[in-house]
Amino acid sequence: MIDVSATAGRMARVVVTDQLSAGWQGAYDAEENVILMADDLTPIQYACVLAHEMSHAKHHDRGCRADRWTERRADIEAARMLIILDDYKRAEQVCDDVTWIAHELEVMPWVVIAFREYLHDRGL
């Protein structure tokens, strides 16, 4: 797992934490090259959302919730940043439940789902 907070500065000009509109946890502003993060996230939510937005910054994605493919790519890239394969395998051997694995790996359940999609796509 990488330290997403330390790495974010290489993907975007700045990360701004502020109150966002209801339903928004994070966003990437391609014109300003800024990642916006909600100020009410738990540390785990913050890391997961930041990793997702870092993917958008890496690819200079434009538009809010651009399209399904772009969002899926951002989820999978976030999962790859946050989950170490051997840690995932150990957790999955104990319990196959997404929520339990997420708790064990200190990520959000959507990150585990995205990691599983990545593994499936790779035939692993």
C-alpha atoms as a PDB file:
ATOM      1  CA  MET A   1       0.000   0.000   0.000  1.00  0.00           C
ATOM      2  CA  ILE A   2       1.302   3.439  -0.838  1.00  0.00           C
ATOM      3  CA  ASP A   3       0.947   6.520   1.325  1.00  0.00           C
ATOM      4  CA  VAL A   4      -1.675   8.255  -0.796  1.00  0.00           C
ATOM      5  CA  SER A   5      -1.477  11.537   1.089  1.00  0.00           C
ATOM      6  CA  ALA A   6       2.266  11.778   0.442  1.00  0.00           C
ATOM      7  CA  THR A   7       1.884  10.752  -3.209  1.00  0.00           C
ATOM      8  CA  ALA A   8      -1.088  12.974  -4.103  1.00  0.00           C
ATOM      9  CA  GLY A   9       1.122  16.018  -4.621  1.00  0.00           C
ATOM     10  CA  ARG A  10       2.774  14.301  -7.571  1.00  0.00           C
ATOM     11  CA  MET A  11      -0.577  13.786  -9.291  1.00  0.00           C
ATOM     12  CA  ALA A  12      -2.276  17.119  -8.625  1.00  0.00           C
ATOM     13  CA  ARG A  13      -1.079  20.636  -7.910  1.00  0.00           C
ATOM     14  CA  VAL A  14      -2.816  20.636  -4.533  1.00  0.00           C
ATOM     15  CA  VAL A  15      -5.325  18.701  -2.408  1.00  0.00           C
ATOM     16  CA  VAL A  16      -7.973  20.902  -0.787  1.00  0.00           C
ATOM     17  CA  THR A  17     -10.133  19.626   2.066  1.00  0.00           C
ATOM     18  CA  ASP A  18     -13.392  21.522   2.471  1.00  0.00           C
ATOM     19  CA  GLN A  19     -17.130  21.083   2.858  1.00  0.00           C
ATOM     20  CA  LEU A  20     -18.453  19.587  -0.380  1.00  0.00           C
ATOM     21  CA  SER A  21     -22.012  19.364  -1.666  1.00  0.00           C
ATOM     22  CA  ALA A  22     -24.177  16.596  -0.256  1.00  0.00           C
ATOM     23  CA  GLY A  23     -23.282  13.233  -1.743  1.00  0.00           C
ATOM     24  CA  TRP A  24     -19.775  14.292  -2.785  1.00  0.00           C
ATOM     25  CA  GLN A  25     -16.759  12.813  -1.034  1.00  0.00           C
ATOM     26  CA  GLY A  26     -14.150  13.989  -3.504  1.00  0.00           C
ATOM     27  CA  ALA A  27     -13.638  15.458  -6.952  1.00  0.00           C
ATOM     28  CA  TYR A  28     -10.873  16.307  -9.383  1.00  0.00           C
ATOM     29  CA  ASP A  29     -10.790  19.686 -11.128  1.00  0.00           C
ATOM     30  CA  ALA A  30      -8.766  19.132 -14.307  1.00  0.00           C
ATOM     31  CA  GLU A  31      -8.671  22.821 -15.242  1.00  0.00           C
ATOM     32  CA  GLU A  32      -7.008  23.764 -11.963  1.00  0.00           C
ATOM     33  CA  ASN A  33      -5.315  20.363 -11.411  1.00  0.00           C
ATOM     34  CA  VAL A  34      -6.781  20.272  -7.898  1.00  0.00           C
ATOM     35  CA  ILE A  35      -8.198  17.374  -5.902  1.00  0.00           C
ATOM     36  CA  LEU A  36     -11.100  18.387  -3.657  1.00  0.00           C
ATOM     37  CA  MET A  37     -11.829  16.273  -0.584  1.00  0.00           C
ATOM     38  CA  ALA A  38     -14.792  16.400   1.792  1.00  0.00           C
ATOM     39  CA  ASP A  39     -13.907  17.526   5.296  1.00  0.00           C
ATOM     40  CA  ASP A  40     -16.156  14.985   7.031  1.00  0.00           C
ATOM     41  CA  LEU A  41     -14.492  11.737   5.929  1.00  0.00           C
ATOM     42  CA  THR A  42     -13.018   9.149   8.267  1.00  0.00           C
ATOM     43  CA  PRO A  43      -9.301   8.434   7.740  1.00  0.00           C
ATOM     44  CA  ILE A  44     -10.149   5.240   5.818  1.00  0.00           C
ATOM     45  CA  GLN A  45     -12.726   6.995   3.633  1.00  0.00           C
ATOM     46  CA  TYR A  46     -10.268   9.828   3.024  1.00  0.00           C
ATOM     47  CA  ALA A  47      -7.486   7.483   1.857  1.00  0.00           C
ATOM     48  CA  CYS A  48      -9.821   5.536  -0.444  1.00  0.00           C
ATOM     49  CA  VAL A  49     -11.453   8.593  -1.998  1.00  0.00           C
ATOM     50  CA  LEU A  50      -8.093  10.340  -2.367  1.00  0.00           C
ATOM     51  CA  ALA A  51      -6.649   7.315  -4.195  1.00  0.00           C
ATOM     52  CA  HIS A  52      -9.683   7.330  -6.518  1.00  0.00           C
ATOM     53  CA  GLU A  53      -9.283  11.052  -7.238  1.00  0.00           C
ATOM     54  CA  MET A  54      -5.532  10.587  -7.763  1.00  0.00           C
ATOM     55  CA  SER A  55      -6.374   8.268 -10.647  1.00  0.00           C
ATOM     56  CA  HIS A  56      -8.511  10.988 -12.201  1.00  0.00           C
ATOM     57  CA  ALA A  57      -5.621  13.438 -11.740  1.00  0.00           C
ATOM     58  CA  LYS A  58      -3.115  10.999 -13.258  1.00  0.00           C
ATOM     59  CA  HIS A  59      -5.238  10.755 -16.403  1.00  0.00           C
ATOM     60  CA  HIS A  60      -6.381  14.408 -16.349  1.00  0.00           C
ATOM     61  CA  ASP A  61     -10.011  13.253 -16.482  1.00  0.00           C
ATOM     62  CA  ARG A  62     -12.572  15.962 -17.149  1.00  0.00           C
ATOM     63  CA  GLY A  63     -16.176  16.105 -16.035  1.00  0.00           C
ATOM     64  CA  CYS A  64     -17.952  15.025 -12.900  1.00  0.00           C
ATOM     65  CA  ARG A  65     -18.525  11.284 -12.810  1.00  0.00           C
ATOM     66  CA  ALA A  66     -17.314  11.238 -16.402  1.00  0.00           C
ATOM     67  CA  ASP A  67     -18.460   7.800 -17.508  1.00  0.00           C
ATOM     68  CA  ARG A  68     -18.698   4.269 -16.215  1.00  0.00           C
ATOM     69  CA  TRP A  69     -15.366   3.174 -17.712  1.00  0.00           C
ATOM     70  CA  THR A  70     -13.474   6.139 -16.238  1.00  0.00           C
ATOM     71  CA  GLU A  71     -14.992   5.602 -12.790  1.00  0.00           C
ATOM     72  CA  ARG A  72     -14.238   1.869 -12.913  1.00  0.00           C
ATOM     73  CA  ARG A  73     -10.638   2.586 -13.917  1.00  0.00           C
ATOM     74  CA  ALA A  74     -10.309   5.061 -11.032  1.00  0.00           C
ATOM     75  CA  ASP A  75     -11.743   2.514  -8.574  1.00  0.00           C
ATOM     76  CA  ILE A  76      -9.398  -0.235  -9.776  1.00  0.00           C
ATOM     77  CA  GLU A  77      -6.342   2.018  -9.731  1.00  0.00           C
ATOM     78  CA  ALA A  78      -7.284   3.140  -6.212  1.00  0.00           C
ATOM     79  CA  ALA A  79      -7.598  -0.489  -5.139  1.00  0.00           C
ATOM     80  CA  ARG A  80      -4.183  -1.287  -6.587  1.00  0.00           C
ATOM     81  CA  MET A  81      -2.693   1.633  -4.645  1.00  0.00           C
ATOM     82  CA  LEU A  82      -4.300   0.602  -1.372  1.00  0.00           C
ATOM     83  CA  ILE A  83      -4.250  -3.208  -1.322  1.00  0.00           C
ATOM     84  CA  ILE A  84      -1.219  -5.478  -1.242  1.00  0.00           C
ATOM     85  CA  LEU A  85      -1.986  -8.750  -3.037  1.00  0.00           C
ATOM     86  CA  ASP A  86      -0.509 -11.009  -0.334  1.00  0.00           C
ATOM     87  CA  ASP A  87      -2.498  -9.200   2.374  1.00  0.00           C
ATOM     88  CA  TYR A  88      -5.664  -9.611   0.318  1.00  0.00           C
ATOM     89  CA  LYS A  89      -5.012 -13.337  -0.213  1.00  0.00           C
ATOM     90  CA  ARG A  90      -4.453 -13.888   3.525  1.00  0.00           C
ATOM     91  CA  ALA A  91      -7.654 -12.032   4.400  1.00  0.00           C
ATOM     92  CA  GLU A  92      -9.679 -13.896   1.775  1.00  0.00           C
ATOM     93  CA  GLN A  93      -8.463 -17.247   3.142  1.00  0.00           C
ATOM     94  CA  VAL A  94      -9.947 -16.356   6.530  1.00  0.00           C
ATOM     95  CA  CYS A  95     -13.264 -14.989   5.263  1.00  0.00           C
ATOM     96  CA  ASP A  96     -14.695 -14.278   1.814  1.00  0.00           C
ATOM     97  CA  ASP A  97     -17.004 -11.475   3.015  1.00  0.00           C
ATOM     98  CA  VAL A  98     -16.289  -8.127   1.308  1.00  0.00           C
ATOM     99  CA  THR A  99     -17.094  -6.062   4.398  1.00  0.00           C
ATOM    100  CA  TRP A 100     -14.882  -8.197   6.643  1.00  0.00           C
ATOM    101  CA  ILE A 101     -11.979  -8.069   4.179  1.00  0.00           C
ATOM    102  CA  ALA A 102     -12.396  -4.288   3.868  1.00  0.00           C
ATOM    103  CA  HIS A 103     -12.257  -3.922   7.643  1.00  0.00           C
ATOM    104  CA  GLU A 104      -9.211  -6.192   7.845  1.00  0.00           C
ATOM    105  CA  LEU A 105      -7.356  -4.278   5.099  1.00  0.00           C
ATOM    106  CA  GLU A 106      -8.534  -0.859   6.345  1.00  0.00           C
ATOM    107  CA  VAL A 107     -10.240   0.132   3.098  1.00  0.00           C
ATOM    108  CA  MET A 108     -13.820   0.736   2.012  1.00  0.00           C
ATOM    109  CA  PRO A 109     -15.831  -2.233   0.678  1.00  0.00           C
ATOM    110  CA  TRP A 110     -15.963  -0.697  -2.835  1.00  0.00           C
ATOM    111  CA  VAL A 111     -12.156  -0.882  -2.884  1.00  0.00           C
ATOM    112  CA  VAL A 112     -12.256  -4.633  -2.211  1.00  0.00           C
ATOM    113  CA  ILE A 113     -14.860  -5.070  -4.959  1.00  0.00           C
ATOM    114  CA  ALA A 114     -12.669  -3.115  -7.388  1.00  0.00           C
ATOM    115  CA  PHE A 115      -9.627  -5.189  -6.409  1.00  0.00           C
ATOM    116  CA  ARG A 116     -11.592  -8.366  -7.083  1.00  0.00           C
ATOM    117  CA  GLU A 117     -12.534  -7.010 -10.523  1.00  0.00           C
ATOM    118  CA  TYR A 118      -8.847  -6.297 -11.179  1.00  0.00           C
ATOM    119  CA  LEU A 119      -7.888  -9.849 -10.153  1.00  0.00           C
ATOM    120  CA  HIS A 120     -10.669 -11.307 -12.305  1.00  0.00           C
ATOM    121  CA  ASP A 121      -9.624  -9.209 -15.312  1.00  0.00           C
ATOM    122  CA  ARG A 122      -6.053 -10.467 -14.874  1.00  0.00           C
ATOM    123  CA  GLY A 123      -7.137 -14.090 -14.466  1.00  0.00           C
ATOM    124  CA  LEU A 124      -5.715 -14.254 -10.944  1.00  0.00           C
END
